[in-house]
C-alpha cells in the first residue's frame, strides 16, 4: 500500500491569548485545554479569540509595564539619595 500525503486532521489557526503567536490547533481539540508550544500557556481551544482573553492579555501587559516603571523610578530615586551632593554634578 502506498503512503498517502493527505493530512490526518483538520486544523484551525488560533492566537495564543498569552503570547499572541498563531497556533495550528487540531479540530479534535476544540473546547479542550491546550498548551501553547511557544510560551507554554494553557487555554481552552476555540475557533475565535475571545475579547475577554484579549482584554486580559492587555491588562497583564499594562500591569507589567507599570511594575517596570515603578521599579525604575524607585531605583533612580534611591541612587540619587546614595550619591553625595558633590558627586551629582
N, C-alpha and C. Protein backbone atom coordinates (compact mmCIF):
# COMPACT_ATOMS: atom_id res chain seq x y z
N UNK A 1 0.84 -1.18 0.00
CA UNK A 1 0.00 0.00 0.00
C UNK A 1 0.88 1.24 0.00
N UNK A 2 0.54 2.22 -0.78
CA UNK A 2 1.32 3.45 -0.93
C UNK A 2 1.02 4.43 0.20
N UNK A 3 2.08 5.11 0.68
CA UNK A 3 1.90 6.13 1.72
C UNK A 3 1.15 7.32 1.15
N UNK A 4 0.16 7.77 1.84
CA UNK A 4 -0.62 8.93 1.41
C UNK A 4 -0.05 10.19 2.04
N UNK A 5 -0.02 11.28 1.30
CA UNK A 5 0.46 12.55 1.83
C UNK A 5 -0.69 13.43 2.31
N UNK A 6 -1.87 12.84 2.40
CA UNK A 6 -3.03 13.61 2.86
C UNK A 6 -2.92 13.85 4.36
N UNK A 7 -3.38 15.02 4.80
CA UNK A 7 -3.32 15.31 6.23
C UNK A 7 -4.24 14.39 7.02
N UNK A 8 -3.85 14.10 8.25
CA UNK A 8 -4.65 13.20 9.09
C UNK A 8 -5.67 13.95 9.92
N UNK A 9 -5.63 15.25 9.93
CA UNK A 9 -6.58 16.02 10.72
C UNK A 9 -6.80 17.39 10.12
N UNK A 10 -7.82 18.06 10.60
CA UNK A 10 -8.11 19.41 10.16
C UNK A 10 -7.73 20.36 11.28
N UNK A 11 -7.15 21.49 10.90
CA UNK A 11 -6.65 22.46 11.87
C UNK A 11 -7.37 23.80 11.70
N UNK A 12 -7.36 24.57 12.76
CA UNK A 12 -7.76 25.97 12.67
C UNK A 12 -6.66 26.78 13.33
N UNK A 13 -6.53 28.01 12.91
CA UNK A 13 -5.48 28.88 13.44
C UNK A 13 -6.08 29.71 14.57
N UNK A 14 -5.37 29.74 15.68
CA UNK A 14 -5.83 30.46 16.87
C UNK A 14 -4.64 31.16 17.49
N UNK A 15 -4.79 32.41 17.85
CA UNK A 15 -3.72 33.13 18.53
C UNK A 15 -3.70 32.74 19.99
N UNK A 16 -2.51 32.53 20.53
CA UNK A 16 -2.37 32.24 21.96
C UNK A 16 -2.80 33.49 22.73
N UNK A 17 -3.66 33.35 23.74
CA UNK A 17 -4.10 34.52 24.49
C UNK A 17 -3.00 35.14 25.35
N UNK A 18 -1.90 34.43 25.57
CA UNK A 18 -0.82 34.96 26.39
C UNK A 18 0.26 35.62 25.56
N UNK A 19 0.80 34.90 24.56
CA UNK A 19 1.92 35.47 23.80
C UNK A 19 1.49 36.04 22.45
N UNK A 20 0.28 35.71 21.99
CA UNK A 20 -0.24 36.27 20.75
C UNK A 20 0.22 35.57 19.48
N UNK A 21 1.08 34.57 19.60
CA UNK A 21 1.55 33.88 18.40
C UNK A 21 0.49 32.93 17.87
N UNK A 22 0.43 32.78 16.57
CA UNK A 22 -0.58 31.92 15.95
C UNK A 22 -0.20 30.45 16.12
N UNK A 23 -1.22 29.65 16.39
CA UNK A 23 -1.04 28.21 16.58
C UNK A 23 -1.99 27.48 15.65
N UNK A 24 -1.57 26.33 15.16
CA UNK A 24 -2.47 25.44 14.43
C UNK A 24 -3.00 24.44 15.45
N UNK A 25 -4.31 24.47 15.68
CA UNK A 25 -4.94 23.60 16.67
C UNK A 25 -5.82 22.60 15.93
N UNK A 26 -5.66 21.32 16.26
CA UNK A 26 -6.50 20.29 15.62
C UNK A 26 -7.95 20.48 16.04
N UNK A 27 -8.85 20.29 15.10
CA UNK A 27 -10.28 20.44 15.36
C UNK A 27 -10.72 19.50 16.48
N UNK A 28 -10.11 18.34 16.58
CA UNK A 28 -10.47 17.37 17.61
C UNK A 28 -10.26 17.93 19.02
N UNK A 29 -9.43 18.97 19.14
CA UNK A 29 -9.13 19.55 20.45
C UNK A 29 -10.03 20.73 20.81
N UNK A 30 -11.01 21.02 19.96
CA UNK A 30 -11.94 22.11 20.21
C UNK A 30 -12.60 21.94 21.58
N UNK A 31 -12.66 23.03 22.33
CA UNK A 31 -13.28 23.09 23.66
C UNK A 31 -12.49 22.31 24.72
N UNK A 32 -11.24 21.96 24.42
CA UNK A 32 -10.39 21.28 25.39
C UNK A 32 -9.22 22.18 25.75
N UNK A 33 -8.60 21.90 26.87
CA UNK A 33 -7.44 22.68 27.28
C UNK A 33 -6.23 22.26 26.45
N UNK A 34 -5.56 23.24 25.88
CA UNK A 34 -4.35 23.01 25.09
C UNK A 34 -3.23 23.89 25.63
N UNK A 35 -2.02 23.61 25.18
CA UNK A 35 -0.85 24.37 25.64
C UNK A 35 -0.14 24.98 24.45
N UNK A 36 0.22 26.25 24.57
CA UNK A 36 0.96 26.94 23.52
C UNK A 36 2.36 26.35 23.41
N UNK A 37 2.77 26.00 22.20
CA UNK A 37 4.11 25.43 22.00
C UNK A 37 5.20 26.49 22.12
N UNK A 38 4.82 27.77 22.08
CA UNK A 38 5.80 28.85 22.14
C UNK A 38 6.08 29.30 23.57
N UNK A 39 5.01 29.55 24.35
CA UNK A 39 5.21 30.11 25.69
C UNK A 39 4.78 29.16 26.81
N UNK A 40 4.10 28.07 26.47
CA UNK A 40 3.68 27.10 27.48
C UNK A 40 2.38 27.42 28.19
N UNK A 41 1.72 28.52 27.83
CA UNK A 41 0.47 28.89 28.48
C UNK A 41 -0.65 27.92 28.09
N UNK A 42 -1.54 27.64 29.04
CA UNK A 42 -2.69 26.78 28.77
C UNK A 42 -3.92 27.64 28.53
N UNK A 43 -4.77 27.17 27.63
CA UNK A 43 -6.03 27.86 27.36
C UNK A 43 -7.00 26.87 26.71
N UNK A 44 -8.27 27.23 26.69
CA UNK A 44 -9.29 26.39 26.07
C UNK A 44 -9.33 26.71 24.57
N UNK A 45 -9.17 25.67 23.76
CA UNK A 45 -9.15 25.86 22.30
C UNK A 45 -10.54 26.23 21.80
N UNK A 46 -10.60 27.31 21.06
CA UNK A 46 -11.84 27.74 20.42
C UNK A 46 -11.48 28.35 19.07
N UNK A 47 -12.44 28.41 18.19
CA UNK A 47 -12.18 28.90 16.83
C UNK A 47 -11.87 30.38 16.80
N UNK A 48 -12.39 31.13 17.74
CA UNK A 48 -12.17 32.58 17.75
C UNK A 48 -11.48 33.00 19.02
N UNK A 49 -10.65 34.00 18.92
CA UNK A 49 -10.07 34.60 20.11
C UNK A 49 -11.17 35.38 20.81
N UNK A 50 -11.34 35.09 22.05
CA UNK A 50 -12.36 35.81 22.81
C UNK A 50 -11.85 37.18 23.19
N UNK A 51 -12.71 38.16 23.11
CA UNK A 51 -12.29 39.50 23.51
C UNK A 51 -11.95 39.55 24.99
N UNK A 52 -12.52 38.63 25.78
CA UNK A 52 -12.18 38.56 27.20
C UNK A 52 -10.71 38.20 27.34
N UNK A 53 -10.24 37.22 26.56
CA UNK A 53 -8.83 36.84 26.61
C UNK A 53 -7.96 38.00 26.15
N UNK A 54 -8.38 38.69 25.09
CA UNK A 54 -7.62 39.83 24.60
C UNK A 54 -7.54 40.92 25.66
N UNK A 55 -8.67 41.19 26.32
CA UNK A 55 -8.69 42.20 27.38
C UNK A 55 -7.78 41.81 28.53
N UNK A 56 -7.81 40.52 28.91
CA UNK A 56 -6.95 40.05 29.99
C UNK A 56 -5.48 40.20 29.61
N UNK A 57 -5.16 39.87 28.39
CA UNK A 57 -3.77 39.98 27.93
C UNK A 57 -3.30 41.43 27.98
N UNK A 58 -4.15 42.35 27.52
CA UNK A 58 -3.80 43.77 27.56
C UNK A 58 -3.59 44.23 28.99
N UNK A 59 -4.48 43.81 29.90
CA UNK A 59 -4.35 44.18 31.31
C UNK A 59 -3.05 43.63 31.90
N UNK A 60 -2.67 42.41 31.54
CA UNK A 60 -1.42 41.83 32.03
C UNK A 60 -0.22 42.62 31.54
N UNK A 61 -0.22 43.00 30.29
CA UNK A 61 0.89 43.77 29.72
C UNK A 61 0.98 45.13 30.38
N UNK A 62 -0.16 45.79 30.58
CA UNK A 62 -0.15 47.11 31.23
C UNK A 62 0.34 47.01 32.68
N UNK A 63 -0.06 45.96 33.38
CA UNK A 63 0.38 45.78 34.77
C UNK A 63 1.89 45.56 34.83
N UNK A 64 2.43 44.76 33.91
CA UNK A 64 3.88 44.55 33.88
C UNK A 64 4.62 45.83 33.54
N UNK A 65 4.08 46.62 32.63
CA UNK A 65 4.71 47.89 32.26
C UNK A 65 4.72 48.84 33.46
N UNK A 66 3.62 48.89 34.19
CA UNK A 66 3.54 49.75 35.37
C UNK A 66 4.54 49.31 36.43
N UNK A 67 4.68 48.00 36.65
CA UNK A 67 5.66 47.49 37.61
C UNK A 67 7.07 47.89 37.20
N UNK A 68 7.37 47.80 35.92
CA UNK A 68 8.69 48.18 35.43
C UNK A 68 8.95 49.67 35.66
N UNK A 69 7.97 50.50 35.36
CA UNK A 69 8.12 51.95 35.55
C UNK A 69 8.36 52.26 37.02
N UNK A 70 7.56 51.66 37.90
CA UNK A 70 7.71 51.92 39.33
C UNK A 70 9.07 51.45 39.84
N UNK A 71 9.53 50.29 39.40
CA UNK A 71 10.83 49.78 39.83
C UNK A 71 11.95 50.68 39.34
N UNK A 72 11.85 51.15 38.11
CA UNK A 72 12.87 52.04 37.55
C UNK A 72 12.91 53.36 38.30
N UNK A 73 11.75 53.93 38.59
CA UNK A 73 11.69 55.20 39.31
C UNK A 73 12.22 55.04 40.73
N UNK A 74 11.89 53.93 41.39
CA UNK A 74 12.37 53.67 42.74
C UNK A 74 13.90 53.53 42.75
N UNK A 75 14.42 52.83 41.76
CA UNK A 75 15.87 52.63 41.66
C UNK A 75 16.57 53.97 41.44
N UNK A 76 16.02 54.81 40.58
CA UNK A 76 16.63 56.13 40.31
C UNK A 76 16.62 57.00 41.55
N UNK A 77 15.51 57.01 42.29
CA UNK A 77 15.43 57.86 43.48
C UNK A 77 16.37 57.36 44.57
N UNK A 78 16.53 56.06 44.73
CA UNK A 78 17.45 55.55 45.75
C UNK A 78 18.90 55.77 45.33
N UNK A 79 19.20 55.72 44.02
CA UNK A 79 20.55 56.00 43.55
C UNK A 79 20.92 57.45 43.80
N UNK A 80 20.00 58.37 43.60
CA UNK A 80 20.30 59.79 43.80
C UNK A 80 20.46 60.11 45.27
N UNK A 81 19.81 59.38 46.16
CA UNK A 81 19.96 59.61 47.60
C UNK A 81 21.31 59.08 48.10
N UNK A 82 21.83 58.04 47.46
CA UNK A 82 23.10 57.46 47.86
C UNK A 82 24.29 58.28 47.39
N UNK A 83 24.10 59.16 46.45
CA UNK A 83 25.20 59.95 45.88
C UNK A 83 25.35 61.25 46.66
N UNK A 84 26.59 61.55 47.03
CA UNK A 84 26.88 62.81 47.75
C UNK A 84 26.62 63.99 46.82
N UNK A 85 26.23 65.16 47.37
CA UNK A 85 25.92 66.33 46.52
C UNK A 85 27.05 66.70 45.57
N UNK A 86 28.30 66.58 45.98
CA UNK A 86 29.40 66.95 45.09
C UNK A 86 29.56 65.96 43.94
N UNK A 87 29.09 64.71 44.13
CA UNK A 87 29.20 63.69 43.09
C UNK A 87 28.07 63.78 42.08
N UNK A 88 27.02 64.50 42.37
CA UNK A 88 25.87 64.59 41.47
C UNK A 88 26.15 65.45 40.25
N UNK A 89 27.16 66.28 40.29
CA UNK A 89 27.48 67.17 39.18
C UNK A 89 28.14 66.36 38.15
